[in-house]
Amino acid sequence: MAKVLAALRHHWKKSTFGACLLGWGGHWLYGKHCDNLLRRAACQEAQAFGNQLIPATMPLKKATVFLNPAACRGKAGNLFEKNAAPILHLSGLDVTVVKTDYEGQGKKLLELMENTDLIIIAGGDGTVQELHANANLLSLCVQAAFSKIPIGFIPLGKTCSLSHTLYPESTNQVQHITNATLAILKGETVPLDVLQIKGEKEQPVFAVSGLRWGSYRDAGVNVSKYWYLGPLKTKAAHFFSTFKDWPQKHQAALIYLGPTERPPEEPEEKPRPPVHVRLYRRLLSWLRPKGFHKAVAPEEWEELKLSTIELCIATQNRQLDLTRTEDSMDICIEAENVSKGEFVHRGSQKMRDPHVCLEGSQRIQASRCILKIPEGTKGFFGIDNEEYEAMPVEVKLLPRKLRFFCDPRMREQLLQAAVQ
């Protein structure tokens, strides 16, 4: 023992390095062990769903998983197979996995959507980023024929603004993924708004999060170029962007309508009216003079000239309120007169929460708006983290259009917050 201690004291540098390496290895192995325990507990909970008896005539529920293996720097496929796939298979679902890493899937998507009971999006960083892995998917979900199909979201990245609404926050990635997958099996859903964004000639694009146009978004796109600066890369990207044109102002005109009153919740299946009611309605339609229309109040459009450093049009899915009486989207017009130091600081805040409306900004509630930008304006919109060429667009709110699975605890918290 004395010889060992003498050798350790004589070679203290190697001993210190070995002790640190041994401690790090032990911590890593303990973390892997804890992750395996989380997976095992989640699989046992999922197996309880799979062991439930169903009538012989009832078919298995079909779940279609849309997975992009290239997401999360190529780790999405492995994360899904290790953490989510076993839970789904043990639950008794008939699971079909579609890898959205190639083009020309429109016909296949349509066939799958017609024969599925629920849709699961296995996504990387960003708000339901996988909805844009194929441009047809979200469009199909919004269609009346498919809008009733519930959607589950499995976050495979480290950050996702929508997952904070649907699931409890967790610093452990394995626990976050397993909790999201189990929430799909529990069946609790919440309605989320969708934005329909349409150009003059383009097909409409749909967004669950929102649209961004401005300097903060443009600088954020370049953050990855400064990877070698580590934690300073975000500030560096915004700092170097101030060397181009300053002040960075975006000119536009905004025409918008105010919020609309939320109609009462409709039952999923409307009972068929009695025969006498149907006959009365048919007779009334025959007796009504042709060209007769009920008087409709004119829409009160408001117009606003913009000069801003960034414009953001977002849904209220980030701060969901299940009991609100009005339907609207948030329009945030960022202050144009900011110093370069403020721009760097505010840009860092925007990277953490892209749709936050910072202090000193103008905020408008609207149900529909038209954004007119000067002809020849260059740049790009950011629509749910996807780039689209900037052009005049009309943005229309589709309230409570899609239903997403959520953790029952989060739904209860939302209801309690609304009551308070």
Protein backbone atom coordinates (compact mmCIF):
# COMPACT_ATOMS: atom_id res chain seq x y z
CA MET A 1 0.00 0.00 0.00
CA ALA A 2 2.86 2.31 0.87
CA LYS A 3 4.45 1.65 -2.53
CA VAL A 4 1.20 2.48 -4.32
CA LEU A 5 0.82 5.74 -2.43
CA ALA A 6 4.46 6.60 -3.10
CA ALA A 7 4.00 5.91 -6.83
CA LEU A 8 0.86 8.06 -6.93
CA ARG A 9 2.65 10.88 -5.16
CA HIS A 10 5.68 10.56 -7.42
CA HIS A 11 3.51 10.61 -10.59
CA TRP A 12 0.90 13.06 -9.32
CA LYS A 13 0.10 14.54 -12.76
CA LYS A 14 -0.75 11.16 -14.26
CA SER A 15 -2.63 10.24 -11.10
CA THR A 16 -4.74 13.41 -11.26
CA PHE A 17 -5.52 12.88 -14.94
CA GLY A 18 -6.44 9.24 -14.31
CA ALA A 19 -8.70 10.17 -11.39
CA CYS A 20 -10.50 12.80 -13.50
CA LEU A 21 -10.90 10.35 -16.39
CA LEU A 22 -12.19 7.66 -14.03
CA GLY A 23 -14.67 10.09 -12.45
CA TRP A 24 -15.96 11.27 -15.84
CA GLY A 25 -16.31 7.68 -17.03
CA GLY A 26 -18.23 6.72 -13.92
CA HIS A 27 -20.55 9.69 -14.32
CA TRP A 28 -21.15 8.81 -18.00
CA LEU A 29 -21.93 5.18 -17.17
CA TYR A 30 -24.28 6.24 -14.38
CA GLY A 31 -26.10 8.54 -16.80
CA LYS A 32 -26.49 5.69 -19.29
CA HIS A 33 -27.84 3.47 -16.53
CA CYS A 34 -30.41 6.11 -15.53
CA ASP A 35 -31.46 6.51 -19.18
CA ASN A 36 -32.01 2.75 -19.44
CA LEU A 37 -34.15 2.82 -16.30
CA LEU A 38 -36.27 5.60 -17.81
CA ARG A 39 -36.71 3.61 -21.04
CA ARG A 40 -37.65 0.47 -19.10
CA ALA A 41 -40.25 2.33 -17.00
CA ALA A 42 -41.75 3.92 -20.11
CA CYS A 43 -41.93 0.55 -21.90
CA GLN A 44 -43.66 -1.04 -18.90
CA GLU A 45 -46.23 1.76 -18.92
CA ALA A 46 -46.73 1.35 -22.67
CA GLN A 47 -47.16 -2.41 -22.29
CA ALA A 48 -50.15 -1.76 -20.03
CA PHE A 49 -51.86 -0.09 -23.00
CA GLY A 50 -50.91 -3.00 -25.25
CA ASN A 51 -52.33 -5.57 -22.81
CA GLN A 52 -55.80 -4.02 -22.85
CA LEU A 53 -58.46 -6.28 -24.38
CA ILE A 54 -60.34 -5.12 -27.48
CA PRO A 55 -63.27 -6.74 -29.32
CA ALA A 56 -62.29 -9.21 -32.04
CA THR A 57 -64.12 -7.12 -34.64
CA MET A 58 -62.28 -3.90 -33.77
CA PRO A 59 -59.20 -3.26 -35.94
CA LEU A 60 -55.93 -2.04 -34.46
CA LYS A 61 -55.39 1.69 -34.45
CA LYS A 62 -53.04 2.74 -37.22
CA ALA A 63 -50.34 5.31 -36.51
CA THR A 64 -48.23 6.91 -39.23
CA VAL A 65 -44.87 8.28 -38.11
CA PHE A 66 -43.15 10.88 -40.29
CA LEU A 67 -39.44 10.81 -39.50
CA ASN A 68 -36.57 12.67 -41.08
CA PRO A 69 -33.36 10.75 -40.21
CA ALA A 70 -31.22 13.74 -41.21
CA ALA A 71 -32.75 15.93 -38.49
CA CYS A 72 -30.82 16.77 -35.34
CA ARG A 73 -27.49 16.43 -37.22
CA GLY A 74 -28.31 12.92 -38.32
CA LYS A 75 -29.13 11.63 -34.83
CA ALA A 76 -32.94 11.71 -35.17
CA GLY A 77 -33.23 8.15 -36.50
CA ASN A 78 -31.17 6.68 -33.67
CA LEU A 79 -32.99 8.73 -31.01
CA PHE A 80 -36.35 7.60 -32.34
CA GLU A 81 -35.41 3.90 -32.55
CA LYS A 82 -33.96 3.80 -29.03
CA ASN A 83 -36.48 5.92 -27.13
CA ALA A 84 -39.81 6.17 -28.96
CA ALA A 85 -40.19 3.17 -31.30
CA PRO A 86 -40.26 0.49 -28.54
CA ILE A 87 -43.00 2.39 -26.69
CA LEU A 88 -45.16 2.71 -29.80
CA HIS A 89 -44.81 -0.97 -30.71
CA LEU A 90 -45.53 -2.19 -27.17
CA SER A 91 -48.68 -0.05 -27.00
CA GLY A 92 -50.50 -2.21 -29.56
CA LEU A 93 -50.55 0.39 -32.34
CA ASP A 94 -50.10 -0.61 -35.95
CA VAL A 95 -47.11 1.65 -36.66
CA THR A 96 -45.91 2.71 -40.11
CA VAL A 97 -42.71 4.77 -40.26
CA VAL A 98 -42.25 7.06 -43.27
CA LYS A 99 -38.81 8.57 -43.77
CA THR A 100 -39.29 12.02 -45.27
CA ASP A 101 -35.80 12.34 -46.72
CA TYR A 102 -36.68 12.27 -50.40
CA GLU A 103 -38.96 14.18 -52.75
CA GLY A 104 -42.01 13.05 -54.67
CA GLN A 105 -43.91 11.64 -51.71
CA GLY A 106 -47.20 13.44 -52.38
CA LYS A 107 -49.13 10.40 -53.63
CA LYS A 108 -47.76 8.16 -50.88
CA LEU A 109 -48.64 10.72 -48.21
CA LEU A 110 -52.21 10.97 -49.46
CA GLU A 111 -52.65 7.18 -49.38
CA LEU A 112 -51.27 6.97 -45.85
CA MET A 113 -53.41 9.85 -44.58
CA GLU A 114 -56.55 8.12 -45.83
CA ASN A 115 -55.73 4.98 -43.83
CA THR A 116 -54.46 6.27 -40.51
CA ASP A 117 -56.03 7.02 -37.14
CA LEU A 118 -53.30 9.30 -35.84
CA ILE A 119 -50.24 11.10 -37.19
CA ILE A 120 -46.93 11.30 -35.34
CA ILE A 121 -44.28 13.86 -36.26
CA ALA A 122 -40.78 12.92 -35.07
CA GLY A 123 -38.99 16.23 -35.41
CA GLY A 124 -35.74 17.98 -34.76
CA ASP A 125 -35.08 21.50 -33.51
CA GLY A 126 -37.75 24.10 -34.22
CA THR A 127 -41.54 24.12 -34.02
CA VAL A 128 -42.84 20.95 -35.76
CA GLN A 129 -39.96 21.23 -38.18
CA GLU A 130 -40.83 17.90 -39.74
CA LEU A 131 -44.11 19.33 -41.02
CA HIS A 132 -41.94 21.10 -43.57
CA ALA A 133 -39.79 18.11 -44.44
CA ASN A 134 -42.39 17.57 -47.12
CA ALA A 135 -44.42 20.61 -48.17
CA ASN A 136 -47.55 18.50 -48.77
CA LEU A 137 -47.89 17.14 -45.24
CA LEU A 138 -49.16 20.19 -43.34
CA SER A 139 -51.38 21.14 -46.29
CA LEU A 140 -52.99 17.69 -46.09
CA CYS A 141 -53.45 17.98 -42.33
CA VAL A 142 -55.29 21.30 -42.69
CA GLN A 143 -57.71 19.93 -45.28
CA ALA A 144 -61.21 19.33 -43.91
CA ALA A 145 -61.00 15.60 -44.61
CA PHE A 146 -57.88 15.16 -42.47
CA SER A 147 -58.07 18.01 -39.92
CA LYS A 148 -59.84 15.73 -37.42
CA ILE A 149 -56.90 13.32 -37.29
CA PRO A 150 -55.00 13.98 -34.02
CA ILE A 151 -51.29 14.75 -34.33
CA GLY A 152 -48.56 13.68 -31.97
CA PHE A 153 -45.18 15.40 -31.80
CA ILE A 154 -42.02 13.66 -30.58
CA PRO A 155 -39.26 16.28 -30.05
CA LEU A 156 -35.91 14.79 -31.02
CA GLY A 157 -33.92 18.01 -30.65
CA LYS A 158 -32.83 20.01 -27.64
CA THR A 159 -35.10 23.01 -28.24
CA CYS A 160 -38.64 23.27 -29.54
CA SER A 161 -41.00 26.08 -28.64
CA LEU A 162 -44.09 23.96 -29.28
CA SER A 163 -42.95 21.10 -27.04
CA HIS A 164 -42.94 23.52 -24.08
CA THR A 165 -46.68 23.96 -24.64
CA LEU A 166 -47.45 20.26 -25.01
CA TYR A 167 -45.11 18.58 -22.52
CA PRO A 168 -43.46 19.36 -19.15
CA GLU A 169 -39.95 20.73 -19.38
CA SER A 170 -37.13 18.27 -18.74
CA THR A 171 -33.36 18.59 -18.90
CA ASN A 172 -33.03 14.89 -19.69
CA GLN A 173 -33.52 14.25 -23.41
CA VAL A 174 -34.50 10.60 -22.96
CA GLN A 175 -37.16 11.52 -20.40
CA HIS A 176 -38.47 14.30 -22.67
CA ILE A 177 -38.85 11.92 -25.62
CA THR A 178 -40.44 9.11 -23.60
CA ASN A 179 -42.87 11.52 -21.90
CA ALA A 180 -43.95 12.86 -25.30
CA THR A 181 -44.45 9.35 -26.68
CA LEU A 182 -46.49 8.24 -23.66
CA ALA A 183 -48.64 11.38 -23.93
CA ILE A 184 -49.71 10.19 -27.39
CA LEU A 185 -50.92 6.90 -25.89
CA LYS A 186 -52.87 8.66 -23.11
CA GLY A 187 -54.99 10.42 -25.72
CA GLU A 188 -55.33 13.95 -24.26
CA THR A 189 -55.39 16.62 -26.99
CA VAL A 190 -55.44 20.41 -27.25
CA PRO A 191 -56.54 22.50 -30.26
CA LEU A 192 -53.84 24.60 -31.91
CA ASP A 193 -54.16 27.48 -34.36
CA VAL A 194 -52.69 27.47 -37.86
CA LEU A 195 -51.70 30.39 -40.09
CA GLN A 196 -52.48 30.27 -43.80
CA ILE A 197 -49.92 32.37 -45.69
CA LYS A 198 -50.63 33.03 -49.34
CA GLY A 199 -48.76 35.07 -51.94
CA GLU A 200 -50.25 36.59 -55.06
CA LYS A 201 -49.48 33.59 -57.27
CA GLU A 202 -48.06 30.98 -54.93
CA GLN A 203 -49.86 28.06 -53.30
CA PRO A 204 -50.69 28.74 -49.63
CA VAL A 205 -48.15 27.79 -46.98
CA PHE A 206 -49.30 26.81 -43.50
CA ALA A 207 -47.52 27.52 -40.21
CA VAL A 208 -48.10 26.34 -36.65
CA SER A 209 -45.68 28.84 -35.11
CA GLY A 210 -45.51 31.94 -37.30
CA LEU A 211 -43.77 34.19 -39.82
CA ARG A 212 -40.69 36.34 -39.23
CA TRP A 213 -39.23 39.00 -41.50
CA GLY A 214 -36.34 41.19 -40.47
CA SER A 215 -32.80 41.61 -39.26
CA TYR A 216 -32.95 39.42 -36.16
CA ARG A 217 -34.04 36.47 -38.28
CA ASP A 218 -31.39 37.16 -40.94
CA ALA A 219 -28.63 37.33 -38.33
CA GLY A 220 -29.88 34.18 -36.59
CA VAL A 221 -29.53 32.19 -39.81
CA ASN A 222 -25.78 32.88 -39.81
CA VAL A 223 -25.12 31.80 -36.21
CA SER A 224 -23.92 28.33 -37.26
CA LYS A 225 -21.16 29.92 -39.37
CA TYR A 226 -19.43 31.07 -36.19
CA TRP A 227 -19.42 27.65 -34.51
CA TYR A 228 -15.73 28.03 -33.68
CA LEU A 229 -16.58 30.83 -31.21
CA GLY A 230 -18.53 28.47 -28.98
CA PRO A 231 -20.98 30.25 -26.65
CA LEU A 232 -20.13 33.61 -28.28
CA LYS A 233 -21.34 32.58 -31.74
CA THR A 234 -24.82 34.10 -31.31
CA LYS A 235 -23.52 37.50 -30.26
CA ALA A 236 -20.87 37.37 -32.98
CA ALA A 237 -23.43 36.71 -35.73
CA HIS A 238 -25.54 39.69 -34.66
CA PHE A 239 -22.50 41.91 -34.12
CA PHE A 240 -21.04 41.27 -37.58
CA SER A 241 -24.45 41.76 -39.20
CA THR A 242 -24.38 45.40 -38.03
CA PHE A 243 -21.43 46.03 -40.39
CA LYS A 244 -23.70 45.73 -43.47
CA ASP A 245 -26.35 48.44 -43.46
CA TRP A 246 -27.18 50.45 -40.39
CA PRO A 247 -29.78 51.22 -39.26
CA GLN A 248 -31.46 48.13 -40.71
CA LYS A 249 -35.05 49.17 -41.43
CA HIS A 250 -37.75 47.25 -43.26
CA GLN A 251 -40.49 49.29 -44.91
CA ALA A 252 -43.96 47.83 -45.48
CA ALA A 253 -47.69 48.48 -45.22
CA LEU A 254 -49.90 46.34 -43.00
CA ILE A 255 -53.67 46.08 -43.46
CA TYR A 256 -55.42 44.04 -40.80
CA LEU A 257 -58.71 43.02 -39.20
CA GLY A 258 -59.20 42.84 -35.45
CA PRO A 259 -59.85 39.68 -33.42
CA THR A 260 -62.99 37.64 -34.06
CA GLU A 261 -65.32 36.24 -31.43
CA ARG A 262 -64.74 32.59 -30.75
CA PRO A 263 -67.76 30.42 -31.57
CA PRO A 264 -68.87 27.78 -29.06
CA GLU A 265 -67.17 24.41 -29.19
CA GLU A 266 -68.96 22.13 -31.62
CA PRO A 267 -69.45 18.43 -30.89
CA GLU A 268 -67.25 16.12 -32.94
CA GLU A 269 -70.28 14.36 -34.45
CA LYS A 270 -73.40 16.44 -35.01
CA PRO A 271 -76.63 14.49 -34.54
CA ARG A 272 -78.82 14.45 -37.62
CA PRO A 273 -81.80 16.84 -37.25
CA PRO A 274 -85.31 15.32 -37.07
CA VAL A 275 -87.31 14.87 -40.28
CA HIS A 276 -89.63 17.84 -39.64
CA VAL A 277 -86.64 20.16 -39.09
CA ARG A 278 -85.04 19.07 -42.34
CA LEU A 279 -88.33 19.54 -44.22
CA TYR A 280 -88.78 23.01 -42.73
CA ARG A 281 -85.27 24.06 -43.78
CA ARG A 282 -85.80 22.72 -47.30
CA LEU A 283 -89.13 24.56 -47.62
CA LEU A 284 -87.61 27.77 -46.31
CA SER A 285 -84.82 27.60 -48.89
CA TRP A 286 -87.41 27.21 -51.67
CA LEU A 287 -89.58 30.12 -50.50
CA ARG A 288 -86.66 32.49 -49.97
CA PRO A 289 -86.33 34.90 -52.95
CA LYS A 290 -83.33 34.40 -55.19
CA GLY A 291 -80.51 36.75 -54.46
CA PHE A 292 -81.67 37.20 -50.87
CA HIS A 293 -78.79 37.46 -48.42
CA LYS A 294 -78.60 38.32 -44.80
CA ALA A 295 -77.12 41.72 -44.07
CA VAL A 296 -73.48 41.37 -43.18
CA ALA A 297 -71.64 44.08 -41.31
CA PRO A 298 -68.77 45.52 -43.36
CA GLU A 299 -65.31 44.45 -42.29
CA GLU A 300 -63.37 47.20 -40.56
CA TRP A 301 -59.87 47.05 -42.04
CA GLU A 302 -57.13 49.19 -40.54
CA GLU A 303 -53.94 50.23 -42.31
CA LEU A 304 -50.56 50.89 -40.78
CA LYS A 305 -47.32 52.07 -42.36
CA LEU A 306 -44.35 50.13 -41.01
CA SER A 307 -40.72 50.98 -40.53
CA THR A 308 -39.29 48.29 -38.31
CA ILE A 309 -36.19 46.23 -37.70
CA GLU A 310 -38.32 43.05 -37.67
CA LEU A 311 -41.94 42.01 -38.09
CA CYS A 312 -43.32 38.86 -36.50
CA ILE A 313 -46.76 37.35 -37.10
CA ALA A 314 -47.34 34.42 -34.74
CA THR A 315 -50.07 32.17 -33.41
CA GLN A 316 -50.89 32.09 -29.72
CA ASN A 317 -49.83 28.45 -29.45
CA ARG A 318 -46.81 29.44 -27.35
CA GLN A 319 -49.06 30.75 -24.57
CA LEU A 320 -52.12 28.59 -25.00
CA ASP A 321 -55.38 29.70 -23.38
CA LEU A 322 -58.10 27.07 -23.69
CA THR A 323 -60.84 29.42 -22.41
CA ARG A 324 -60.18 32.59 -24.40
CA THR A 325 -63.26 34.17 -25.98
CA GLU A 326 -61.54 35.71 -29.02
CA ASP A 327 -59.45 34.22 -31.81
CA SER A 328 -56.46 36.23 -32.95
CA MET A 329 -52.81 36.10 -33.93
CA ASP A 330 -50.06 38.27 -32.48
CA ILE A 331 -48.38 40.83 -34.73
CA CYS A 332 -45.20 42.21 -33.17
CA ILE A 333 -43.53 45.26 -34.74
CA GLU A 334 -40.05 45.62 -33.27
CA ALA A 335 -38.67 49.07 -32.53
CA GLU A 336 -36.52 50.43 -35.36
CA ASN A 337 -34.37 52.82 -33.33
CA VAL A 338 -32.02 50.50 -31.46
CA SER A 339 -28.30 50.83 -30.94
CA LYS A 340 -25.87 48.19 -32.15
CA GLY A 341 -25.37 46.99 -28.58
CA GLU A 342 -29.11 46.66 -28.07
CA PHE A 343 -29.38 44.82 -31.38
CA VAL A 344 -26.84 42.21 -30.24
CA HIS A 345 -28.57 41.80 -26.85
CA ARG A 346 -32.07 41.61 -28.32
CA GLY A 347 -30.88 39.21 -31.01
CA SER A 348 -29.69 36.79 -28.33
CA GLN A 349 -33.14 36.93 -26.72
CA LYS A 350 -34.73 36.26 -30.11
CA MET A 351 -32.56 33.18 -30.57
CA ARG A 352 -33.90 31.72 -27.31
CA ASP A 353 -37.52 32.60 -28.14
CA PRO A 354 -37.94 33.63 -31.81
CA HIS A 355 -41.50 34.94 -31.42
CA VAL A 356 -41.07 36.92 -28.20
CA CYS A 357 -42.26 40.53 -28.40
CA LEU A 358 -39.51 42.59 -26.76
CA GLU A 359 -39.97 45.71 -24.65
CA GLY A 360 -40.67 48.85 -26.66
CA SER A 361 -42.29 46.95 -29.53
CA GLN A 362 -45.78 47.56 -30.88
CA ARG A 363 -48.17 44.65 -30.52
CA ILE A 364 -51.38 44.13 -32.50
CA GLN A 365 -54.07 41.47 -32.25
CA ALA A 366 -55.55 40.48 -35.62
CA SER A 367 -57.50 37.67 -37.24
CA ARG A 368 -56.36 38.44 -40.77
CA CYS A 369 -53.77 40.72 -42.32
CA ILE A 370 -52.23 41.71 -45.64
CA LEU A 371 -48.53 42.55 -45.72
CA LYS A 372 -47.47 44.76 -48.62
CA ILE A 373 -43.75 45.22 -49.17
CA PRO A 374 -42.14 47.55 -51.74
CA GLU A 375 -41.48 46.08 -55.16
CA GLY A 376 -37.94 44.80 -55.55
CA THR A 377 -37.49 44.12 -51.82
CA LYS A 378 -34.90 41.41 -51.30
CA GLY A 379 -34.70 38.98 -48.42
CA PHE A 380 -36.52 36.03 -46.97
CA PHE A 381 -39.37 35.20 -44.63
CA GLY A 382 -38.84 32.64 -41.90
CA ILE A 383 -41.99 30.49 -41.72
CA ASP A 384 -41.65 27.84 -39.01
CA ASN A 385 -37.86 27.88 -39.50
CA GLU A 386 -38.11 27.45 -43.27
CA GLU A 387 -36.96 30.14 -45.69
CA TYR A 388 -39.32 31.59 -48.31
CA GLU A 389 -38.67 34.50 -50.63
CA ALA A 390 -40.10 37.76 -49.28
CA MET A 391 -43.18 38.94 -51.19
CA PRO A 392 -46.58 40.54 -50.49
CA VAL A 393 -48.67 37.99 -48.60
CA GLU A 394 -52.05 37.56 -46.98
CA VAL A 395 -52.02 35.85 -43.58
CA LYS A 396 -55.24 34.30 -42.32
CA LEU A 397 -55.79 32.70 -38.94
CA LEU A 398 -57.37 29.25 -38.92
CA PRO A 399 -58.36 28.94 -35.25
CA ARG A 400 -58.28 25.55 -33.53
CA LYS A 401 -57.60 23.87 -36.84
CA LEU A 402 -55.45 20.97 -35.64
CA ARG A 403 -55.52 18.86 -32.51
CA PHE A 404 -52.19 17.87 -30.95
CA PHE A 405 -51.63 15.26 -28.27
CA CYS A 406 -50.39 16.74 -25.02
CA ASP A 407 -49.38 15.55 -21.58
CA PRO A 408 -52.44 15.37 -19.27
CA ARG A 409 -50.51 17.35 -16.64
CA MET A 410 -49.94 20.21 -19.07
CA ARG A 411 -53.62 20.29 -20.04
CA GLU A 412 -54.60 20.43 -16.38
CA GLN A 413 -52.13 23.29 -15.78
CA LEU A 414 -53.58 25.22 -18.73
CA LEU A 415 -57.11 24.84 -17.40
CA GLN A 416 -56.09 25.84 -13.87
CA ALA A 417 -54.24 28.91 -15.16
CA ALA A 418 -57.32 29.95 -17.13
CA VAL A 419 -59.56 29.65 -14.03
CA GLN A 420 -57.17 31.73 -11.92
